[in-house]
C-alpha atoms as a PDB file:
ATOM      1  CA  MET A   1      21.059  -0.806  17.184  1.00  0.00           C
ATOM      2  CA  LYS A   2      19.210   1.414  14.718  1.00  0.00           C
ATOM      3  CA  SER A   3      15.820   1.521  16.434  1.00  0.00           C
ATOM      4  CA  PHE A   4      12.847   3.499  15.191  1.00  0.00           C
ATOM      5  CA  THR A   5       9.193   3.417  16.257  1.00  0.00           C
ATOM      6  CA  ILE A   6       6.370   3.349  13.723  1.00  0.00           C
ATOM      7  CA  ALA A   7       2.736   3.629  14.787  1.00  0.00           C
ATOM      8  CA  GLY A   8      -0.058   2.410  12.554  1.00  0.00           C
ATOM      9  CA  ILE A   9      -3.466   3.987  13.227  1.00  0.00           C
ATOM     10  CA  GLN A  10      -6.473   1.825  12.420  1.00  0.00           C
ATOM     11  CA  MET A  11      -9.566   4.035  12.595  1.00  0.00           C
ATOM     12  CA  LYS A  12     -13.144   4.275  11.374  1.00  0.00           C
ATOM     13  CA  VAL A  13     -13.485   5.942   7.987  1.00  0.00           C
ATOM     14  CA  SER A  14     -16.646   7.636   6.727  1.00  0.00           C
ATOM     15  CA  ALA A  15     -17.606   7.608   3.058  1.00  0.00           C
ATOM     16  CA  THR A  16     -19.870  10.654   3.324  1.00  0.00           C
ATOM     17  CA  HIS A  17     -17.795  13.342   5.018  1.00  0.00           C
ATOM     18  CA  SER A  18     -14.221  14.372   5.719  1.00  0.00           C
ATOM     19  CA  ASN A  19     -12.258  12.310   8.231  1.00  0.00           C
ATOM     20  CA  VAL A  20      -9.450  14.854   8.520  1.00  0.00           C
ATOM     21  CA  GLU A  21     -10.423  16.220  11.949  1.00  0.00           C
ATOM     22  CA  MET A  22     -10.708  12.690  13.340  1.00  0.00           C
ATOM     23  CA  MET A  23      -7.285  11.851  11.914  1.00  0.00           C
ATOM     24  CA  LYS A  24      -5.865  14.886  13.713  1.00  0.00           C
ATOM     25  CA  LEU A  25      -7.511  13.790  16.981  1.00  0.00           C
ATOM     26  CA  LYS A  26      -6.185  10.236  16.625  1.00  0.00           C
ATOM     27  CA  LEU A  27      -2.726  11.612  15.921  1.00  0.00           C
ATOM     28  CA  ASP A  28      -2.865  13.818  19.022  1.00  0.00           C
ATOM     29  CA  ILE A  29      -3.918  10.814  21.111  1.00  0.00           C
ATOM     30  CA  CYS A  30      -1.191   8.645  19.618  1.00  0.00           C
ATOM     31  CA  MET A  31       1.549  11.132  20.399  1.00  0.00           C
ATOM     32  CA  ASN A  32       0.206  11.824  23.896  1.00  0.00           C
ATOM     33  CA  VAL A  33       0.149   8.129  24.806  1.00  0.00           C
ATOM     34  CA  TYR A  34       3.268   7.138  22.833  1.00  0.00           C
ATOM     35  CA  PRO A  35       5.540  10.207  22.670  1.00  0.00           C
ATOM     36  CA  ALA A  36       8.502   8.080  21.492  1.00  0.00           C
ATOM     37  CA  VAL A  37       6.814   7.386  18.119  1.00  0.00           C
ATOM     38  CA  ASP A  38       8.903   8.565  15.151  1.00  0.00           C
ATOM     39  CA  LEU A  39       6.559   7.888  12.210  1.00  0.00           C
ATOM     40  CA  VAL A  40       2.788   7.517  11.934  1.00  0.00           C
ATOM     41  CA  LEU A  41       0.959   5.676   9.154  1.00  0.00           C
ATOM     42  CA  PHE A  42      -2.787   5.809   8.403  1.00  0.00           C
ATOM     43  CA  SER A  43      -4.858   3.612   6.076  1.00  0.00           C
ATOM     44  CA  GLU A  44      -5.646   4.025   2.378  1.00  0.00           C
ATOM     45  CA  LEU A  45      -8.219   6.728   1.495  1.00  0.00           C
ATOM     46  CA  CYS A  46      -8.504   7.583   5.178  1.00  0.00           C
ATOM     47  CA  GLY A  47      -8.859  11.320   4.663  1.00  0.00           C
ATOM     48  CA  TYR A  48     -12.049  11.491   2.600  1.00  0.00           C
ATOM     49  CA  GLY A  49     -13.186   7.898   2.162  1.00  0.00           C
ATOM     50  CA  PRO A  50     -13.540   5.599  -0.861  1.00  0.00           C
ATOM     51  CA  LEU A  51     -15.595   7.782  -3.221  1.00  0.00           C
ATOM     52  CA  THR A  52     -13.872   9.578  -6.092  1.00  0.00           C
ATOM     53  CA  TYR A  53     -16.546  12.283  -5.705  1.00  0.00           C
ATOM     54  CA  TYR A  54     -14.406  13.701  -2.895  1.00  0.00           C
ATOM     55  CA  ALA A  55     -11.182  13.849  -4.930  1.00  0.00           C
ATOM     56  CA  GLN A  56      -8.956  16.770  -3.944  1.00  0.00           C
ATOM     57  CA  GLU A  57      -6.323  18.819  -5.707  1.00  0.00           C
ATOM     58  CA  MET A  58      -2.737  18.675  -4.437  1.00  0.00           C
ATOM     59  CA  PRO A  59      -1.318  20.656  -2.809  1.00  0.00           C
ATOM     60  CA  GLY A  60      -4.445  21.613  -0.932  1.00  0.00           C
ATOM     61  CA  HIS A  61      -6.280  21.590   2.389  1.00  0.00           C
ATOM     62  CA  PHE A  62      -5.468  17.976   3.238  1.00  0.00           C
ATOM     63  CA  GLU A  63      -1.731  18.397   2.747  1.00  0.00           C
ATOM     64  CA  THR A  64      -1.696  21.674   4.678  1.00  0.00           C
ATOM     65  CA  GLU A  65      -3.482  20.125   7.655  1.00  0.00           C
ATOM     66  CA  MET A  66      -1.235  17.062   7.693  1.00  0.00           C
ATOM     67  CA  GLN A  67       1.920  19.154   7.315  1.00  0.00           C
ATOM     68  CA  ALA A  68       0.912  21.165  10.379  1.00  0.00           C
ATOM     69  CA  MET A  69       0.355  17.963  12.385  1.00  0.00           C
ATOM     70  CA  ALA A  70       3.713  16.485  11.417  1.00  0.00           C
ATOM     71  CA  LYS A  71       5.450  19.712  12.392  1.00  0.00           C
ATOM     72  CA  LYS A  72       3.469  19.980  15.629  1.00  0.00           C
ATOM     73  CA  HIS A  73       4.550  16.524  16.794  1.00  0.00           C
ATOM     74  CA  LYS A  74       7.954  16.525  15.062  1.00  0.00           C
ATOM     75  CA  ILE A  75       7.271  13.206  13.355  1.00  0.00           C
ATOM     76  CA  TRP A  76       7.393  11.627   9.935  1.00  0.00           C
ATOM     77  CA  LEU A  77       3.828  11.222   8.691  1.00  0.00           C
ATOM     78  CA  VAL A  78       2.224   9.151   5.926  1.00  0.00           C
ATOM     79  CA  PRO A  79      -1.484  10.053   6.292  1.00  0.00           C
ATOM     80  CA  GLY A  80      -2.784   7.186   4.200  1.00  0.00           C
ATOM     81  CA  SER A  81      -3.923   8.272   0.761  1.00  0.00           C
ATOM     82  CA  ILE A  82      -6.645  10.352  -0.862  1.00  0.00           C
ATOM     83  CA  PHE A  83      -8.064  10.566  -4.348  1.00  0.00           C
ATOM     84  CA  GLU A  84      -6.090  13.279  -6.138  1.00  0.00           C
ATOM     85  CA  LYS A  85      -7.716  15.289  -8.941  1.00  0.00           C
ATOM     86  CA  VAL A  86      -5.412  16.340 -11.787  1.00  0.00           C
ATOM     87  CA  GLU A  87      -7.380  17.948 -14.633  1.00  0.00           C
ATOM     88  CA  ASP A  88      -9.534  15.120 -16.021  1.00  0.00           C
ATOM     89  CA  LYS A  89      -7.709  12.341 -14.139  1.00  0.00           C
ATOM     90  CA  ILE A  90      -7.968  10.929 -10.638  1.00  0.00           C
ATOM     91  CA  TYR A  91      -5.118   9.172  -8.831  1.00  0.00           C
ATOM     92  CA  ASN A  92      -4.974   7.331  -5.513  1.00  0.00           C
ATOM     93  CA  THR A  93      -2.136   9.272  -3.889  1.00  0.00           C
ATOM     94  CA  ALA A  94      -0.161   9.023  -0.652  1.00  0.00           C
ATOM     95  CA  ILE A  95       2.135  11.731   0.670  1.00  0.00           C
ATOM     96  CA  VAL A  96       5.229  11.578   2.877  1.00  0.00           C
ATOM     97  CA  ILE A  97       5.822  14.479   5.281  1.00  0.00           C
ATOM     98  CA  ASN A  98       8.955  15.044   7.351  1.00  0.00           C
ATOM     99  CA  PRO A  99       9.150  16.400  10.942  1.00  0.00           C
ATOM    100  CA  GLN A 100       9.653  19.933   9.598  1.00  0.00           C
ATOM    101  CA  GLY A 101       6.240  19.717   7.928  1.00  0.00           C
ATOM    102  CA  GLU A 102       7.634  19.443   4.395  1.00  0.00           C
ATOM    103  CA  VAL A 103       6.205  17.126   1.755  1.00  0.00           C
ATOM    104  CA  VAL A 104       9.202  15.057   0.675  1.00  0.00           C
ATOM    105  CA  SER A 105       7.413  12.660  -1.683  1.00  0.00           C
ATOM    106  CA  ARG A 106       4.088  11.721  -3.251  1.00  0.00           C
ATOM    107  CA  TYR A 107       3.174   8.263  -4.475  1.00  0.00           C
ATOM    108  CA  ARG A 108       0.377   7.367  -6.890  1.00  0.00           C
ATOM    109  CA  LYS A 109      -0.957   3.831  -6.610  1.00  0.00           C
ATOM    110  CA  MET A 110       0.317   1.771  -9.553  1.00  0.00           C
ATOM    111  CA  PHE A 111      -2.398  -0.873  -9.519  1.00  0.00           C
ATOM    112  CA  PRO A 112      -5.891   0.532  -8.855  1.00  0.00           C
ATOM    113  CA  PHE A 113      -8.245  -2.271  -7.842  1.00  0.00           C
ATOM    114  CA  TYR A 114      -9.758  -2.798 -11.286  1.00  0.00           C
ATOM    115  CA  PRO A 115     -12.501  -3.444 -12.206  1.00  0.00           C
ATOM    116  CA  TYR A 116     -13.791  -2.065  -8.904  1.00  0.00           C
ATOM    117  CA  GLU A 117     -11.737   1.135  -8.439  1.00  0.00           C
ATOM    118  CA  VAL A 118     -13.472   2.702 -11.408  1.00  0.00           C
ATOM    119  CA  GLY A 119     -12.170   5.916 -12.910  1.00  0.00           C
ATOM    120  CA  VAL A 120      -8.778   5.888 -11.190  1.00  0.00           C
ATOM    121  CA  THR A 121      -5.617   6.305 -13.264  1.00  0.00           C
ATOM    122  CA  PRO A 122      -2.534   4.198 -12.399  1.00  0.00           C
ATOM    123  CA  GLY A 123       0.638   5.931 -11.277  1.00  0.00           C
ATOM    124  CA  SER A 124       3.996   5.099 -12.819  1.00  0.00           C
ATOM    125  CA  ASP A 125       6.724   6.159 -10.371  1.00  0.00           C
ATOM    126  CA  PHE A 126       8.052   4.288  -7.359  1.00  0.00           C
ATOM    127  CA  CYS A 127       8.386   6.040  -4.000  1.00  0.00           C
ATOM    128  CA  ILE A 128      11.568   5.773  -1.941  1.00  0.00           C
ATOM    129  CA  PHE A 129      12.693   8.170   0.781  1.00  0.00           C
ATOM    130  CA  ASP A 130      15.534   8.203   3.294  1.00  0.00           C
ATOM    131  CA  ILE A 131      15.255   9.028   6.973  1.00  0.00           C
ATOM    132  CA  PRO A 132      18.664  10.313   8.075  1.00  0.00           C
ATOM    133  CA  ASN A 133      20.569   7.999  10.440  1.00  0.00           C
ATOM    134  CA  VAL A 134      17.750   5.448  10.228  1.00  0.00           C
ATOM    135  CA  GLY A 135      17.300   3.883   6.814  1.00  0.00           C
ATOM    136  CA  ARG A 136      15.433   3.752   3.528  1.00  0.00           C
ATOM    137  CA  PHE A 137      11.655   3.485   3.279  1.00  0.00           C
ATOM    138  CA  GLY A 138       9.300   2.635   0.419  1.00  0.00           C
ATOM    139  CA  VAL A 139       5.580   3.305  -0.070  1.00  0.00           C
ATOM    140  CA  SER A 140       3.064   0.934  -1.631  1.00  0.00           C
ATOM    141  CA  ILE A 141      -0.748   1.067  -1.614  1.00  0.00           C
ATOM    142  CA  CYS A 142      -3.190  -1.826  -1.133  1.00  0.00           C
ATOM    143  CA  TYR A 143      -3.570  -3.821  -4.392  1.00  0.00           C
ATOM    144  CA  ASP A 144       0.002  -3.001  -5.413  1.00  0.00           C
ATOM    145  CA  MET A 145       1.295  -5.824  -3.212  1.00  0.00           C
ATOM    146  CA  TRP A 146      -0.615  -8.419  -5.242  1.00  0.00           C
ATOM    147  CA  PHE A 147       1.973  -7.698  -7.926  1.00  0.00           C
ATOM    148  CA  PRO A 148       5.256  -8.813  -6.334  1.00  0.00           C
ATOM    149  CA  GLU A 149       7.304  -6.899  -8.889  1.00  0.00           C
ATOM    150  CA  THR A 150       6.299  -3.669  -7.128  1.00  0.00           C
ATOM    151  CA  ILE A 151       7.648  -4.617  -3.703  1.00  0.00           C
ATOM    152  CA  ARG A 152      10.691  -6.322  -5.216  1.00  0.00           C
ATOM    153  CA  THR A 153      11.526  -3.114  -7.084  1.00  0.00           C
ATOM    154  CA  LEU A 154      11.368  -1.117  -3.850  1.00  0.00           C
ATOM    155  CA  ALA A 155      13.652  -3.659  -2.162  1.00  0.00           C
ATOM    156  CA  VAL A 156      16.129  -3.562  -5.053  1.00  0.00           C
ATOM    157  CA  MET A 157      16.119   0.224  -4.688  1.00  0.00           C
ATOM    158  CA  GLY A 158      17.200  -0.311  -1.084  1.00  0.00           C
ATOM    159  CA  ALA A 159      13.935  -0.058   0.874  1.00  0.00           C
ATOM    160  CA  GLU A 160      14.258  -1.672   4.291  1.00  0.00           C
ATOM    161  CA  VAL A 161      10.733  -0.811   5.425  1.00  0.00           C
ATOM    162  CA  ILE A 162       7.585  -0.865   3.278  1.00  0.00           C
ATOM    163  CA  LEU A 163       4.766   1.426   4.397  1.00  0.00           C
ATOM    164  CA  HIS A 164       1.578   0.002   2.948  1.00  0.00           C
ATOM    165  CA  PRO A 165      -1.743   1.768   3.612  1.00  0.00           C
ATOM    166  CA  THR A 166      -4.657  -0.388   2.530  1.00  0.00           C
ATOM    167  CA  MET A 167      -8.449  -0.341   2.406  1.00  0.00           C
ATOM    168  CA  THR A 168      -9.770  -3.887   2.417  1.00  0.00           C
ATOM    169  CA  GLY A 169     -13.337  -4.601   3.458  1.00  0.00           C
ATOM    170  CA  THR A 170     -13.685  -7.882   1.602  1.00  0.00           C
ATOM    171  CA  MET A 171     -13.399 -11.584   2.371  1.00  0.00           C
ATOM    172  CA  ASP A 172      -9.891 -11.873   0.896  1.00  0.00           C
ATOM    173  CA  ARG A 173      -8.239 -10.261   3.936  1.00  0.00           C
ATOM    174  CA  ASP A 174      -6.772 -13.627   5.038  1.00  0.00           C
ATOM    175  CA  ILE A 175      -5.081 -13.913   1.642  1.00  0.00           C
ATOM    176  CA  GLU A 176      -3.616 -10.467   2.134  1.00  0.00           C
ATOM    177  CA  HIS A 177      -2.152 -11.556   5.463  1.00  0.00           C
ATOM    178  CA  SER A 178      -0.302 -14.312   3.608  1.00  0.00           C
ATOM    179  CA  ILE A 179       0.929 -11.780   1.052  1.00  0.00           C
ATOM    180  CA  ASP A 180       2.131  -9.487   3.868  1.00  0.00           C
ATOM    181  CA  GLN A 181       4.277 -12.258   5.292  1.00  0.00           C
ATOM    182  CA  THR A 182       5.522 -13.329   1.872  1.00  0.00           C
ATOM    183  CA  MET A 183       6.489  -9.831   0.773  1.00  0.00           C
ATOM    184  CA  ALA A 184       8.354  -9.282   4.052  1.00  0.00           C
ATOM    185  CA  ALA A 185      10.213 -12.597   3.788  1.00  0.00           C
ATOM    186  CA  VAL A 186      11.154 -12.678   0.102  1.00  0.00           C
ATOM    187  CA  ASN A 187      12.270  -9.048   0.202  1.00  0.00           C
ATOM    188  CA  GLN A 188      13.779  -9.312   3.690  1.00  0.00           C
ATOM    189  CA  CYS A 189      12.177  -6.120   4.978  1.00  0.00           C
ATOM    190  CA  TYR A 190       9.654  -4.796   7.480  1.00  0.00           C
ATOM    191  CA  PHE A 191       6.129  -4.591   6.080  1.00  0.00           C
ATOM    192  CA  PHE A 192       3.457  -2.345   7.652  1.00  0.00           C
ATOM    193  CA  ASP A 193       0.003  -3.101   6.198  1.00  0.00           C
ATOM    194  CA  ILE A 194      -2.429  -0.666   7.874  1.00  0.00           C
ATOM    195  CA  ASN A 195      -6.137  -1.077   7.127  1.00  0.00           C
ATOM    196  CA  GLY A 196      -9.162   1.059   8.047  1.00  0.00           C
ATOM    197  CA  LEU A 197     -12.604   0.311   9.497  1.00  0.00           C
ATOM    198  CA  ASP A 198     -16.238   0.749   8.448  1.00  0.00           C
ATOM    199  CA  SER A 199     -16.154   2.343   4.973  1.00  0.00           C
ATOM    200  CA  GLY A 200     -12.357   2.108   5.186  1.00  0.00           C
ATOM    201  CA  GLY A 201     -12.090  -1.663   5.623  1.00  0.00           C
ATOM    202  CA  ILE A 202     -12.402  -4.461   8.161  1.00  0.00           C
ATOM    203  CA  GLY A 203      -9.226  -3.711  10.074  1.00  0.00           C
ATOM    204  CA  ARG A 204      -6.902  -6.573  10.995  1.00  0.00           C
ATOM    205  CA  SER A 205      -3.843  -4.494  10.158  1.00  0.00           C
ATOM    206  CA  THR A 206      -0.665  -6.561  10.034  1.00  0.00           C
ATOM    207  CA  ILE A 207       2.978  -5.771  10.735  1.00  0.00           C
ATOM    208  CA  CYS A 208       5.683  -8.242   9.686  1.00  0.00           C
ATOM    209  CA  GLY A 209       9.420  -8.441  10.263  1.00  0.00           C
ATOM    210  CA  PRO A 210      12.174  -9.220   7.733  1.00  0.00           C
ATOM    211  CA  ASP A 211      11.883 -12.971   8.325  1.00  0.00           C
ATOM    212  CA  GLY A 212       8.187 -12.897   7.439  1.00  0.00           C
ATOM    213  CA  ARG A 213       6.988 -13.426  10.979  1.00  0.00           C
ATOM    214  CA  VAL A 214       3.968 -11.440  12.179  1.00  0.00           C
ATOM    215  CA  LEU A 215       5.048  -8.900  14.785  1.00  0.00           C
ATOM    216  CA  TYR A 216       1.522  -7.672  15.419  1.00  0.00           C
ATOM    217  CA  GLN A 217      -1.937  -8.213  14.000  1.00  0.00           C
ATOM    218  CA  ALA A 218      -4.807  -5.941  15.002  1.00  0.00           C
ATOM    219  CA  GLY A 219      -8.401  -6.936  15.520  1.00  0.00           C
ATOM    220  CA  SER A 220     -11.424  -5.217  14.017  1.00  0.00           C
ATOM    221  CA  THR A 221     -11.675  -2.290  16.406  1.00  0.00           C
ATOM    222  CA  GLU A 222      -9.926   1.063  16.466  1.00  0.00           C
ATOM    223  CA  GLU A 223      -6.297   0.677  17.476  1.00  0.00           C
ATOM    224  CA  ILE A 224      -3.005   2.518  17.671  1.00  0.00           C
ATOM    225  CA  MET A 225      -0.121   0.122  17.009  1.00  0.00           C
ATOM    226  CA  PRO A 226       3.365   1.376  17.925  1.00  0.00           C
ATOM    227  CA  VAL A 227       6.081  -1.086  16.893  1.00  0.00           C
ATOM    228  CA  GLU A 228       9.777  -0.458  17.439  1.00  0.00           C
ATOM    229  CA  ILE A 229      11.819  -1.752  14.527  1.00  0.00           C
ATOM    230  CA  ASP A 230      15.518  -2.589  14.386  1.00  0.00           C
ATOM    231  CA  LEU A 231      16.991  -2.112  10.925  1.00  0.00           C
ATOM    232  CA  GLU A 232      20.002  -4.183  11.929  1.00  0.00           C
ATOM    233  CA  ARG A 233      17.619  -7.137  11.573  1.00  0.00           C
ATOM    234  CA  VAL A 234      17.106  -6.209   7.924  1.00  0.00           C
ATOM    235  CA  LYS A 235      20.850  -5.951   7.387  1.00  0.00           C
ATOM    236  CA  GLN A 236      21.480  -9.306   9.055  1.00  0.00           C
ATOM    237  CA  SER A 237      18.716 -10.994   7.083  1.00  0.00           C
ATOM    238  CA  ARG A 238      19.991  -9.642   3.777  1.00  0.00           C
ATOM    239  CA  GLU A 239      23.588 -10.551   4.539  1.00  0.00           C
ATOM    240  CA  LYS A 240      23.090 -13.949   6.195  1.00  0.00           C
ATOM    241  CA  GLY A 241      19.691 -15.111   4.994  1.00  0.00           C
ATOM    242  CA  VAL A 242      16.132 -15.481   6.283  1.00  0.00           C
ATOM    243  CA  MET A 243      16.588 -17.517   9.477  1.00  0.00           C
ATOM    244  CA  ARG A 244      20.186 -17.976   8.207  1.00  0.00           C
ATOM    245  CA  LEU A 245      18.787 -19.899   5.233  1.00  0.00           C
ATOM    246  CA  GLY A 246      17.503 -18.430   1.953  1.00  0.00           C
ATOM    247  CA  GLN A 247      19.075 -15.227   0.637  1.00  0.00           C
ATOM    248  CA  PRO A 248      16.483 -14.187  -1.965  1.00  0.00           C
ATOM    249  CA  LEU A 249      17.791 -10.689  -2.703  1.00  0.00           C
ATOM    250  CA  LYS A 250      21.342 -11.902  -3.288  1.00  0.00           C
ATOM    251  CA  SER A 251      20.067 -14.790  -5.405  1.00  0.00           C
ATOM    252  CA  PHE A 252      17.904 -12.421  -7.440  1.00  0.00           C
ATOM    253  CA  ARG A 253      20.958 -10.232  -8.006  1.00  0.00           C
ATOM    254  CA  ASP A 254      23.253 -13.110  -8.980  1.00  0.00           C
ATOM    255  CA  HIS A 255      20.846 -15.117 -11.114  1.00  0.00           C
ATOM    256  CA  ILE A 256      18.554 -12.531 -12.617  1.00  0.00           C
ATOM    257  CA  GLY A 257      17.542 -13.785 -16.029  1.00  0.00           C
ATOM    258  CA  ASP A 258      15.890 -12.460 -19.113  1.00  0.00           C
ATOM    259  CA  PHE A 259      12.255 -12.425 -18.035  1.00  0.00           C
ATOM    260  CA  SER A 260      10.876 -12.098 -21.530  1.00  0.00           C
ATOM    261  CA  ILE A 261       7.259 -11.876 -20.348  1.00  0.00           C
ATOM    262  CA  TYR A 262       8.034  -8.302 -19.298  1.00  0.00           C
ATOM    263  CA  ASP A 263       9.085  -7.240 -22.777  1.00  0.00           C
ATOM    264  CA  LYS A 264       6.529  -4.908 -24.307  1.00  0.00           C
ATOM    265  CA  ASP A 265       6.563  -6.894 -27.542  1.00  0.00           C
ATOM    266  CA  TYR A 266       6.101 -10.283 -25.876  1.00  0.00           C
ATOM    267  CA  LYS A 267       2.941 -12.047 -27.062  1.00  0.00           C
ATOM    268  CA  LEU A 268       0.585 -12.605 -24.156  1.00  0.00           C
ATOM    269  CA  ASP A 269      -1.528 -15.232 -25.905  1.00  0.00           C
ATOM    270  CA  TYR A 270      -2.588 -17.063 -22.765  1.00  0.00           C
ATOM    271  CA  LEU A 271      -3.337 -13.912 -20.785  1.00  0.00           C
ATOM    272  CA  ASP A 272      -5.288 -12.478 -23.719  1.00  0.00           C
ATOM    273  CA  SER A 273      -7.401 -15.637 -23.741  1.00  0.00           C
ATOM    274  CA  LEU A 274      -8.674 -14.832 -20.226  1.00  0.00           C
ATOM    275  CA  GLY A 275     -11.025 -12.194 -21.602  1.00  0.00           C
ATOM    276  CA  PRO A 276     -11.702  -8.583 -20.546  1.00  0.00           C
ATOM    277  CA  LEU A 277     -11.064  -7.194 -17.061  1.00  0.00           C
ATOM    278  CA  ILE A 278     -14.651  -6.995 -15.805  1.00  0.00           C
ATOM    279  CA  LYS A 279     -16.638  -7.800 -12.702  1.00  0.00           C
ATOM    280  CA  PRO A 280     -17.868 -11.425 -12.607  1.00  0.00           C
ATOM    281  CA  GLN A 281     -21.095 -11.757 -14.556  1.00  0.00           C
ATOM    282  CA  LYS A 282     -23.889 -14.297 -14.914  1.00  0.00           C
ATOM    283  CA  VAL A 283     -23.297 -16.526 -17.937  1.00  0.00           C
ATOM    284  CA  GLU A 284     -26.034 -14.832 -19.962  1.00  0.00           C
ATOM    285  CA  GLN A 285     -24.686 -11.344 -19.209  1.00  0.00           C
ATOM    286  CA  LEU A 286     -21.164 -12.387 -20.043  1.00  0.00           C
ATOM    287  CA  ALA A 287     -22.245 -13.862 -23.363  1.00  0.00           C
ATOM    288  CA  GLU A 288     -24.048 -10.655 -24.315  1.00  0.00           C
ATOM    289  CA  LEU A 289     -21.060  -8.552 -23.275  1.00  0.00           C
ATOM    290  CA  HIS A 290     -18.683 -10.619 -25.352  1.00  0.00           C
ATOM    291  CA  LYS A 291     -20.944 -10.418 -28.376  1.00  0.00           C
ATOM    292  CA  LEU A 292     -21.223  -6.635 -28.032  1.00  0.00           C
ATOM    293  CA  GLU A 293     -17.486  -6.169 -27.680  1.00  0.00           C
ATOM    294  CA  GLY A 294     -16.714  -8.685 -30.411  1.00  0.00           C
ATOM    295  CA  LYS A 295     -13.689  -9.799 -28.465  1.00  0.00           C
ATOM    296  CA  ILE A 296     -14.106 -13.572 -28.734  1.00  0.00           C
ATOM    297  CA  GLN A 297     -16.082 -16.190 -30.611  1.00  0.00           C
ATOM    298  CA  MET A 298     -18.730 -17.399 -28.158  1.00  0.00           C
ATOM    299  CA  PRO A 299     -19.004 -21.176 -27.568  1.00  0.00           C
ATOM    300  CA  ARG A 300     -22.266 -22.621 -28.904  1.00  0.00           C
ATOM    301  CA  ASP A 301     -23.622 -23.438 -25.412  1.00  0.00           C
ATOM    302  CA  LEU A 302     -23.323 -19.767 -24.320  1.00  0.00           C
ATOM    303  CA  VAL A 303     -25.028 -18.166 -27.298  1.00  0.00           C
END
């Protein structure tokens, strides 16, 4: 049995000051109470909170501190994400650190939560890394999972475990729980969705197995969630089917078609008709916005 223990840390996140020292304390507590843990995962934007004002350059102080902690405890560490400043751009970036304290990968969130995550540039590269004698892991961040192509791509690249830091403080958290289970089942993988608290979310982190079943769901208080995974379950699911039934990855492989909607030249007439990507507006505000942008002909009853 290829067993491996992953601990999610659900902690309070401040929007007004650094959370790095608290992350280090939580990590020390985690490893003192659960010394068998092999990998620790924090929530999205855990280090400095949800404001782009606190964007950091990489490499920098945050990486150095997290590298030292990974080396200290001899663990794999994904310390959530932070806003990364690169010249005039800002990315939402997660890092992967090995037990020697080396940064082995960085991942920039592909789907910032527009129109709310203002001023953040999308990333373009997927993140896969191998843990020797264990398996292959993929990294995804928050809103990425609402676009199933992202998780499917990681699975096709061989990811058996998806590490998914998130920051959800809104009323759609129940929907995200459904997506967690769906992504785990249709991609036949483990899915670790770790949320923050206070300015970092409403908690209720969720961990699912490769058949889509919930292995653990946190409440809305601070928690450390160590879950031992067995990657033989992923192998069995992918070879024999979810509950010995559907084999979605094999079927995708054998029946993949020409999905023309993904062609860059494909006309997106219907999607274009949905209007601009903006926050919901009152009817009068929306009418004025449309007139200013000149994007559509306003119906008579809105003008």
